[in-house]
Structures are given as C-alpha cells and as structure tokens.
C-alpha atoms as a PDB file:
ATOM      1  CA  MET A   1       3.043  -9.825  -8.123  1.00  0.00           C
ATOM      2  CA  ASP A   2      -0.111  -7.858  -8.807  1.00  0.00           C
ATOM      3  CA  ALA A   3      -0.262  -4.239  -7.705  1.00  0.00           C
ATOM      4  CA  PRO A   4      -2.217  -3.312  -5.752  1.00  0.00           C
ATOM      5  CA  ARG A   5      -2.918  -6.534  -3.902  1.00  0.00           C
ATOM      6  CA  ALA A   6      -6.391  -7.904  -3.322  1.00  0.00           C
ATOM      7  CA  PRO A   7      -7.809  -7.463   0.190  1.00  0.00           C
ATOM      8  CA  LEU A   8      -7.599 -10.347   2.648  1.00  0.00           C
ATOM      9  CA  THR A   9     -10.517 -11.908   4.442  1.00  0.00           C
ATOM     10  CA  GLN A  10     -10.633 -11.598   8.231  1.00  0.00           C
ATOM     11  CA  VAL A  11      -9.256 -15.113   8.715  1.00  0.00           C
ATOM     12  CA  GLU A  12      -6.567 -14.654   6.044  1.00  0.00           C
ATOM     13  CA  ARG A  13      -5.501 -11.407   7.722  1.00  0.00           C
ATOM     14  CA  LYS A  14      -5.028 -13.155  11.073  1.00  0.00           C
ATOM     15  CA  VAL A  15      -2.934 -15.905   9.487  1.00  0.00           C
ATOM     16  CA  TYR A  16      -0.863 -13.386   7.487  1.00  0.00           C
ATOM     17  CA  HIS A  17      -0.120 -11.273  10.566  1.00  0.00           C
ATOM     18  CA  PHE A  18       0.759 -14.441  12.497  1.00  0.00           C
ATOM     19  CA  LEU A  19       3.258 -15.406   9.787  1.00  0.00           C
ATOM     20  CA  ILE A  20       4.913 -11.979   9.997  1.00  0.00           C
ATOM     21  CA  ASP A  21       5.168 -11.968  13.789  1.00  0.00           C
ATOM     22  CA  TYR A  22       6.325 -15.592  13.993  1.00  0.00           C
ATOM     23  CA  LEU A  23       9.101 -14.954  11.468  1.00  0.00           C
ATOM     24  CA  ALA A  24      10.160 -11.725  13.187  1.00  0.00           C
ATOM     25  CA  GLU A  25      10.476 -13.458  16.559  1.00  0.00           C
ATOM     26  CA  ARG A  26      12.040 -16.765  15.446  1.00  0.00           C
ATOM     27  CA  THR A  27      13.679 -16.065  12.015  1.00  0.00           C
ATOM     28  CA  PHE A  28      11.879 -19.057  10.462  1.00  0.00           C
ATOM     29  CA  GLN A  29       8.308 -19.760   9.418  1.00  0.00           C
ATOM     30  CA  PRO A  30       5.777 -21.926  11.265  1.00  0.00           C
ATOM     31  CA  SER A  31       4.736 -25.254   9.850  1.00  0.00           C
ATOM     32  CA  VAL A  32       1.198 -25.895   8.639  1.00  0.00           C
ATOM     33  CA  ARG A  33       0.528 -27.931  11.795  1.00  0.00           C
ATOM     34  CA  GLU A  34       1.790 -25.112  14.015  1.00  0.00           C
ATOM     35  CA  ILE A  35      -0.516 -22.645  12.271  1.00  0.00           C
ATOM     36  CA  ALA A  36      -3.435 -25.051  12.694  1.00  0.00           C
ATOM     37  CA  ARG A  37      -2.628 -25.528  16.375  1.00  0.00           C
ATOM     38  CA  HIS A  38      -2.300 -21.774  17.015  1.00  0.00           C
ATOM     39  CA  PHE A  39      -5.702 -20.983  15.481  1.00  0.00           C
ATOM     40  CA  ARG A  40      -7.325 -24.247  16.650  1.00  0.00           C
ATOM     41  CA  ILE A  41      -8.106 -25.256  13.084  1.00  0.00           C
ATOM     42  CA  PRO A  42      -8.813 -29.002  13.031  1.00  0.00           C
ATOM     43  CA  SER A  43      -7.809 -29.586   9.400  1.00  0.00           C
ATOM     44  CA  THR A  44      -4.340 -28.919   7.974  1.00  0.00           C
ATOM     45  CA  LYS A  45      -5.986 -28.803   4.533  1.00  0.00           C
ATOM     46  CA  THR A  46      -7.926 -25.731   5.666  1.00  0.00           C
ATOM     47  CA  VAL A  47      -4.637 -24.063   6.602  1.00  0.00           C
ATOM     48  CA  THR A  48      -3.089 -25.054   3.275  1.00  0.00           C
ATOM     49  CA  ASP A  49      -6.064 -23.570   1.433  1.00  0.00           C
ATOM     50  CA  LEU A  50      -5.795 -20.334   3.447  1.00  0.00           C
ATOM     51  CA  ILE A  51      -2.103 -20.007   2.634  1.00  0.00           C
ATOM     52  CA  ALA A  52      -2.792 -20.714  -1.036  1.00  0.00           C
ATOM     53  CA  SER A  53      -5.368 -17.912  -1.087  1.00  0.00           C
ATOM     54  CA  ILE A  54      -2.967 -15.485   0.632  1.00  0.00           C
ATOM     55  CA  GLU A  55      -0.354 -16.444  -1.969  1.00  0.00           C
ATOM     56  CA  ARG A  56      -2.728 -15.859  -4.887  1.00  0.00           C
ATOM     57  CA  LYS A  57      -3.409 -12.380  -3.534  1.00  0.00           C
ATOM     58  CA  GLY A  58       0.312 -11.583  -3.597  1.00  0.00           C
ATOM     59  CA  TYR A  59       1.233 -11.393   0.094  1.00  0.00           C
ATOM     60  CA  VAL A  60       3.418 -14.496   0.259  1.00  0.00           C
ATOM     61  CA  ARG A  61       5.070 -16.957  -2.098  1.00  0.00           C
ATOM     62  CA  ARG A  62       6.268 -20.509  -1.700  1.00  0.00           C
ATOM     63  CA  SER A  63       9.857 -21.658  -1.876  1.00  0.00           C
ATOM     64  CA  PRO A  64       9.623 -25.099  -3.554  1.00  0.00           C
ATOM     65  CA  GLY A  65      11.057 -28.111  -1.759  1.00  0.00           C
ATOM     66  CA  ARG A  66      11.105 -26.593   1.731  1.00  0.00           C
ATOM     67  CA  SER A  67       8.769 -27.584   4.565  1.00  0.00           C
ATOM     68  CA  ARG A  68       8.878 -24.033   5.965  1.00  0.00           C
ATOM     69  CA  GLY A  69       9.298 -22.422   2.590  1.00  0.00           C
ATOM     70  CA  LEU A  70       6.913 -19.489   2.771  1.00  0.00           C
ATOM     71  CA  VAL A  71       8.416 -16.148   1.796  1.00  0.00           C
ATOM     72  CA  ILE A  72       6.646 -12.961   2.908  1.00  0.00           C
ATOM     73  CA  GLU A  73       6.864 -10.422   0.103  1.00  0.00           C
ATOM     74  CA  GLY A  74       8.904  -7.401   1.196  1.00  0.00           C
ATOM     75  CA  PHE A  75       9.507  -8.641   4.747  1.00  0.00           C
ATOM     76  CA  SER A  76      12.327  -6.807   6.520  1.00  0.00           C
ATOM     77  CA  GLY A  77      11.736  -7.786  10.138  1.00  0.00           C
ATOM     78  CA  GLY A  78       9.760  -6.512  13.072  1.00  0.00           C
ATOM     79  CA  ALA A  79       6.776  -8.001  14.884  1.00  0.00           C
ATOM     80  CA  GLY A  80       3.618  -5.925  14.597  1.00  0.00           C
ATOM     81  CA  THR A  81       4.691  -4.509  11.241  1.00  0.00           C
ATOM     82  CA  MET A  82       3.724  -5.182   7.632  1.00  0.00           C
ATOM     83  CA  PRO A  83       5.504  -4.723   4.303  1.00  0.00           C
ATOM     84  CA  VAL A  84       3.567  -2.246   2.134  1.00  0.00           C
ATOM     85  CA  THR A  85       4.052  -2.298  -1.627  1.00  0.00           C
ATOM     86  CA  VAL A  86       5.352   0.806  -3.395  1.00  0.00           C
ATOM     87  CA  VAL A  87       3.746   0.997  -6.823  1.00  0.00           C
ATOM     88  CA  ARG A  88       4.516   3.067  -9.898  1.00  0.00           C
ATOM     89  CA  ILE A  89       1.986   4.233 -12.458  1.00  0.00           C
ATOM     90  CA  ALA A  90       3.234   2.961 -15.815  1.00  0.00           C
ATOM     91  CA  PRO A  91       1.892   3.792 -19.305  1.00  0.00           C
ATOM     92  CA  GLY A  92      -1.291   1.967 -20.125  1.00  0.00           C
ATOM     93  CA  PRO A  93      -1.941   2.862 -17.371  1.00  0.00           C
ATOM     94  CA  VAL A  94      -0.926  -0.063 -15.193  1.00  0.00           C
ATOM     95  CA  MET A  95       0.461  -0.315 -11.680  1.00  0.00           C
ATOM     96  CA  VAL A  96       3.906  -1.861 -11.274  1.00  0.00           C
ATOM     97  CA  ALA A  97       5.201  -3.046  -7.889  1.00  0.00           C
ATOM     98  CA  GLU A  98       8.647  -1.504  -7.365  1.00  0.00           C
ATOM     99  CA  ASP A  99       9.585  -1.909  -3.704  1.00  0.00           C
ATOM    100  CA  HIS A 100       8.272  -2.375  -0.168  1.00  0.00           C
ATOM    101  CA  VAL A 101       8.297  -0.175   2.928  1.00  0.00           C
ATOM    102  CA  THR A 102       7.803  -1.701   6.378  1.00  0.00           C
ATOM    103  CA  ILE A 103       5.125   0.114   8.398  1.00  0.00           C
ATOM    104  CA  ASP A 104       3.714  -0.506  11.875  1.00  0.00           C
ATOM    105  CA  ARG A 105       0.331  -2.200  11.426  1.00  0.00           C
ATOM    106  CA  ILE A 106      -1.294   0.293  13.780  1.00  0.00           C
ATOM    107  CA  HIS A 107      -0.980   2.903  11.013  1.00  0.00           C
ATOM    108  CA  LEU A 108      -2.593   0.747   8.315  1.00  0.00           C
ATOM    109  CA  PRO A 109      -6.387   0.828   7.917  1.00  0.00           C
ATOM    110  CA  ALA A 110      -6.317  -2.273   5.674  1.00  0.00           C
ATOM    111  CA  ASP A 111      -3.917  -4.933   4.418  1.00  0.00           C
ATOM    112  CA  ASP A 112      -4.391  -3.953   0.770  1.00  0.00           C
ATOM    113  CA  CYS A 113      -3.075  -0.417   1.322  1.00  0.00           C
ATOM    114  CA  TYR A 114      -0.170   0.540  -0.895  1.00  0.00           C
ATOM    115  CA  LEU A 115       2.190   3.466  -1.489  1.00  0.00           C
ATOM    116  CA  VAL A 116       2.421   5.606  -4.612  1.00  0.00           C
ATOM    117  CA  ARG A 117       4.572   8.677  -5.195  1.00  0.00           C
ATOM    118  CA  ALA A 118       3.049  12.138  -5.590  1.00  0.00           C
ATOM    119  CA  ASP A 119       4.894  13.089  -8.748  1.00  0.00           C
ATOM    120  CA  HIS A 120       2.991  16.047 -10.164  1.00  0.00           C
ATOM    121  CA  GLU A 121       2.099  18.801  -7.743  1.00  0.00           C
ATOM    122  CA  ASP A 122       2.153  19.930  -4.148  1.00  0.00           C
ATOM    123  CA  ALA A 123      -1.050  19.751  -2.105  1.00  0.00           C
ATOM    124  CA  PRO A 124      -0.287  21.856   0.986  1.00  0.00           C
ATOM    125  CA  ALA A 125      -3.925  21.749   2.101  1.00  0.00           C
ATOM    126  CA  HIS A 126      -3.383  18.012   2.673  1.00  0.00           C
ATOM    127  CA  SER A 127       0.274  18.218   3.881  1.00  0.00           C
ATOM    128  CA  VAL A 128       1.548  16.677   0.651  1.00  0.00           C
ATOM    129  CA  ARG A 129       4.607  17.689  -1.350  1.00  0.00           C
ATOM    130  CA  ALA A 130       5.701  16.444  -4.745  1.00  0.00           C
ATOM    131  CA  GLY A 131       7.879  13.362  -4.188  1.00  0.00           C
ATOM    132  CA  ASP A 132       6.096  12.173  -1.034  1.00  0.00           C
ATOM    133  CA  LEU A 133       4.960   8.572  -0.753  1.00  0.00           C
ATOM    134  CA  LEU A 134       1.190   8.472  -0.358  1.00  0.00           C
ATOM    135  CA  LEU A 135      -0.490   5.702   1.620  1.00  0.00           C
ATOM    136  CA  VAL A 136      -3.574   4.736  -0.392  1.00  0.00           C
ATOM    137  CA  HIS A 137      -6.557   2.915   1.110  1.00  0.00           C
ATOM    138  CA  PRO A 138      -8.382   1.451  -1.920  1.00  0.00           C
ATOM    139  CA  GLY A 139     -11.533   0.625   0.027  1.00  0.00           C
ATOM    140  CA  GLY A 140     -11.690   3.873   1.997  1.00  0.00           C
ATOM    141  CA  ARG A 141     -14.840   6.004   1.912  1.00  0.00           C
ATOM    142  CA  ALA A 142     -14.277   9.603   0.862  1.00  0.00           C
ATOM    143  CA  GLY A 143     -16.346  12.227   2.672  1.00  0.00           C
ATOM    144  CA  ASP A 144     -16.429  15.923   1.870  1.00  0.00           C
ATOM    145  CA  GLU A 145     -13.208  16.629   3.760  1.00  0.00           C
ATOM    146  CA  THR A 146     -11.409  13.329   3.100  1.00  0.00           C
ATOM    147  CA  PRO A 147      -8.680  13.715   0.461  1.00  0.00           C
ATOM    148  CA  VAL A 148      -8.370  11.080  -2.221  1.00  0.00           C
ATOM    149  CA  VAL A 149      -5.452   9.952  -4.342  1.00  0.00           C
ATOM    150  CA  ALA A 150      -6.363  10.170  -8.014  1.00  0.00           C
ATOM    151  CA  ARG A 151      -4.661   9.241 -11.261  1.00  0.00           C
ATOM    152  CA  VAL A 152      -5.427  11.786 -13.960  1.00  0.00           C
ATOM    153  CA  GLY A 153      -3.707  10.716 -17.144  1.00  0.00           C
ATOM    154  CA  GLY A 154      -0.238   9.761 -15.936  1.00  0.00           C
ATOM    155  CA  ALA A 155      -0.215  12.150 -12.950  1.00  0.00           C
ATOM    156  CA  VAL A 156      -0.882  11.260  -9.320  1.00  0.00           C
ATOM    157  CA  LEU A 157      -2.827  13.966  -7.476  1.00  0.00           C
ATOM    158  CA  VAL A 158      -4.153  14.463  -3.937  1.00  0.00           C
ATOM    159  CA  ARG A 159      -7.418  16.391  -3.759  1.00  0.00           C
ATOM    160  CA  SER A 160     -10.794  16.453  -2.078  1.00  0.00           C
ATOM    161  CA  LEU A 161     -13.666  15.668  -4.399  1.00  0.00           C
ATOM    162  CA  ALA A 162     -17.249  16.608  -5.103  1.00  0.00           C
ATOM    163  CA  ARG A 163     -19.847  15.347  -7.546  1.00  0.00           C
ATOM    164  CA  ARG A 164     -21.973  17.438  -9.873  1.00  0.00           C
ATOM    165  CA  GLY A 165     -24.264  15.071 -11.709  1.00  0.00           C
ATOM    166  CA  GLN A 166     -22.034  12.906 -13.911  1.00  0.00           C
ATOM    167  CA  THR A 167     -19.081  15.247 -13.401  1.00  0.00           C
ATOM    168  CA  LEU A 168     -16.461  14.592 -10.726  1.00  0.00           C
ATOM    169  CA  VAL A 169     -14.694  17.674  -9.380  1.00  0.00           C
ATOM    170  CA  LEU A 170     -11.220  17.447  -7.855  1.00  0.00           C
ATOM    171  CA  ARG A 171     -10.918  20.570  -5.739  1.00  0.00           C
ATOM    172  CA  THR A 172      -7.789  22.688  -5.879  1.00  0.00           C
ATOM    173  CA  PRO A 173      -5.393  21.919  -2.977  1.00  0.00           C
ATOM    174  CA  ARG A 174      -3.631  25.308  -3.045  1.00  0.00           C
ATOM    175  CA  ASP A 175      -4.045  28.934  -4.007  1.00  0.00           C
ATOM    176  CA  GLY A 176      -3.540  29.754  -7.667  1.00  0.00           C
ATOM    177  CA  ALA A 177      -4.604  26.324  -8.951  1.00  0.00           C
ATOM    178  CA  ASP A 178      -7.851  25.372 -10.651  1.00  0.00           C
ATOM    179  CA  ASP A 179     -10.380  22.686  -9.873  1.00  0.00           C
ATOM    180  CA  ILE A 180     -10.309  19.729 -12.253  1.00  0.00           C
ATOM    181  CA  GLU A 181     -13.627  18.598 -13.718  1.00  0.00           C
ATOM    182  CA  LEU A 182     -13.752  15.016 -14.983  1.00  0.00           C
ATOM    183  CA  GLY A 183     -16.421  13.292 -17.024  1.00  0.00           C
ATOM    184  CA  PRO A 184     -17.056   9.734 -18.250  1.00  0.00           C
ATOM    185  CA  ALA A 185     -14.806  10.221 -21.304  1.00  0.00           C
ATOM    186  CA  ASP A 186     -11.772  11.412 -19.309  1.00  0.00           C
ATOM    187  CA  ASP A 187      -8.781   9.222 -18.450  1.00  0.00           C
ATOM    188  CA  TYR A 188      -8.775   9.088 -14.666  1.00  0.00           C
ATOM    189  CA  GLU A 189      -9.126   6.743 -11.701  1.00  0.00           C
ATOM    190  CA  ILE A 190      -9.782   7.361  -8.023  1.00  0.00           C
ATOM    191  CA  LEU A 191      -7.184   5.095  -6.416  1.00  0.00           C
ATOM    192  CA  GLY A 192      -8.518   5.436  -2.871  1.00  0.00           C
ATOM    193  CA  THR A 193      -8.476   7.678   0.159  1.00  0.00           C
ATOM    194  CA  LEU A 194      -5.262   9.215   1.489  1.00  0.00           C
ATOM    195  CA  SER A 195      -4.400   7.462   4.769  1.00  0.00           C
ATOM    196  CA  GLY A 196      -0.903   8.789   5.374  1.00  0.00           C
ATOM    197  CA  VAL A 197       2.132  10.553   3.944  1.00  0.00           C
ATOM    198  CA  LEU A 198       5.745   9.360   4.069  1.00  0.00           C
ATOM    199  CA  ARG A 199       8.353  12.035   3.469  1.00  0.00           C
ATOM    200  CA  LEU A 200      11.861  10.678   3.045  1.00  0.00           C
ATOM    201  CA  PRO A 201      14.813  12.883   4.015  1.00  0.00           C
ATOM    202  CA  VAL A 202      16.497  14.702   1.146  1.00  0.00           C
ATOM    203  CA  ILE A 203      20.303  14.831   1.160  1.00  0.00           C
ATOM    204  CA  ARG A 204      21.620  17.931  -0.558  1.00  0.00           C
ATOM    205  CA  ALA A 205      24.279  17.263  -3.181  1.00  0.00           C
ATOM    206  CA  ASP A 206      26.605  19.917  -1.768  1.00  0.00           C
ATOM    207  CA  SER A 207      26.392  18.368   1.725  1.00  0.00           C
ATOM    208  CA  ALA A 208      27.093  14.874   0.389  1.00  0.00           C
ATOM    209  CA  GLU A 209      30.098  16.059  -1.618  1.00  0.00           C
ATOM    210  CA  SER A 210      31.588  17.990   1.285  1.00  0.00           C
ATOM    211  CA  GLY A 211      31.068  15.147   3.754  1.00  0.00           C
ATOM    212  CA  ASP A 212      28.786  17.270   5.914  1.00  0.00           C
ATOM    213  CA  LYS A 213      27.941  15.197   8.992  1.00  0.00           C
ATOM    214  CA  ARG A 214      25.462  17.574  10.587  1.00  0.00           C
END
C-alpha cells in the first residue's frame, strides 16, 4: 500500500464511508448491486469502476474468489469512523505504512490524512511532544498561525512557517531554539498542515514491574 494514500473524489468518499458503516453494522460487506441500489446508480459497472479506483488509491483491497470480498485496510470496527494510516519516514526518504489507528470521521478534514510520529523535538507552542502521533492533512492550507508538519532530513518537525523570497523559514516552537531557514538545495518536504495530535499513554517500567494497578 502506498503511503500516504491519494485523495478520494467526492463520490468515492461516499462509497468508501458507506462500505465502512455497512461492515460495522452487519459484519459483512455489501454486494455491488446493493451499493448501486443505495446510491441509485443505474450501472453495476460504474460501481465496479468506483471500487477499483478506491482500491488503486489504497483504501480497500479485494479478496479473490469471494462475492463480498472487499477488505477495508486497517478496519477495526465502528460506524462513523475511519482507519488512518500510521506512516514512518524511512531513508531515501520514503514513507512506509506501518499501522492504522481508527478515528471518528468528524475529526478528519480529509480522507487522505495520515499519522506520523514526532520523533525529534518538542513543540510546546503547538501542544506537541516528541513521540506524539501527528495527524497530517496533505492538502491543508497553511496560514501564518497554522502549524505544518515538515520533514527536514530524517526528522519530523512541527512549526509555523514564513517565506522570505526563495527561503522558507520554519519558526522556532519553543524558547531557546532557532528558526530553520531552508532553500532549494536543502533536503526537506512540507508534509501538510497539523490537524490533530494523538498522545498515547506511557506506562512506566517500574509500575509495570510492580503490578501497579492505579
């Protein structure tokens, strides 16, 4: 599966969300005819083409030899939710899909959002700590106060940005740090705007060893 996934069209998004909710409520997938009937699409070929496009973009895959053989990548149950890919920045640099986290769709600005771990520094100005999972919106528009998620070399950073001619400035997110100035020859990529932060609970080793149940 590619990471991150390509965005869905408006019609593809409706079909994809229908597949998730149908599976969550019934534990099996709808048939092509049921999808066509639900959306009042006169041609089953149109539905088949839509599903094929959703599959090419990495949201579903087919299970050969089964009439209801669609598999939703990362699905873990729950109507109104969506599996969001967790990606890792690998040398190259390339993005590698590692896992999925199920998130309520109300919190997702787009279907092609993905999660990447902040692995380099804290950004308290944006409520980010090293180790947090960052919800990236690839198509989001960054204003003066909108933080972005950036890859600089192999590091993932959260900073607001400004432009000075051909130079991009990533503003410091905390006291004692410096702005980062980037030019055309530098190895960086603006992944997208920061749309949310997931902070998983940390279990202390001493509590785990002692069987602390607090």
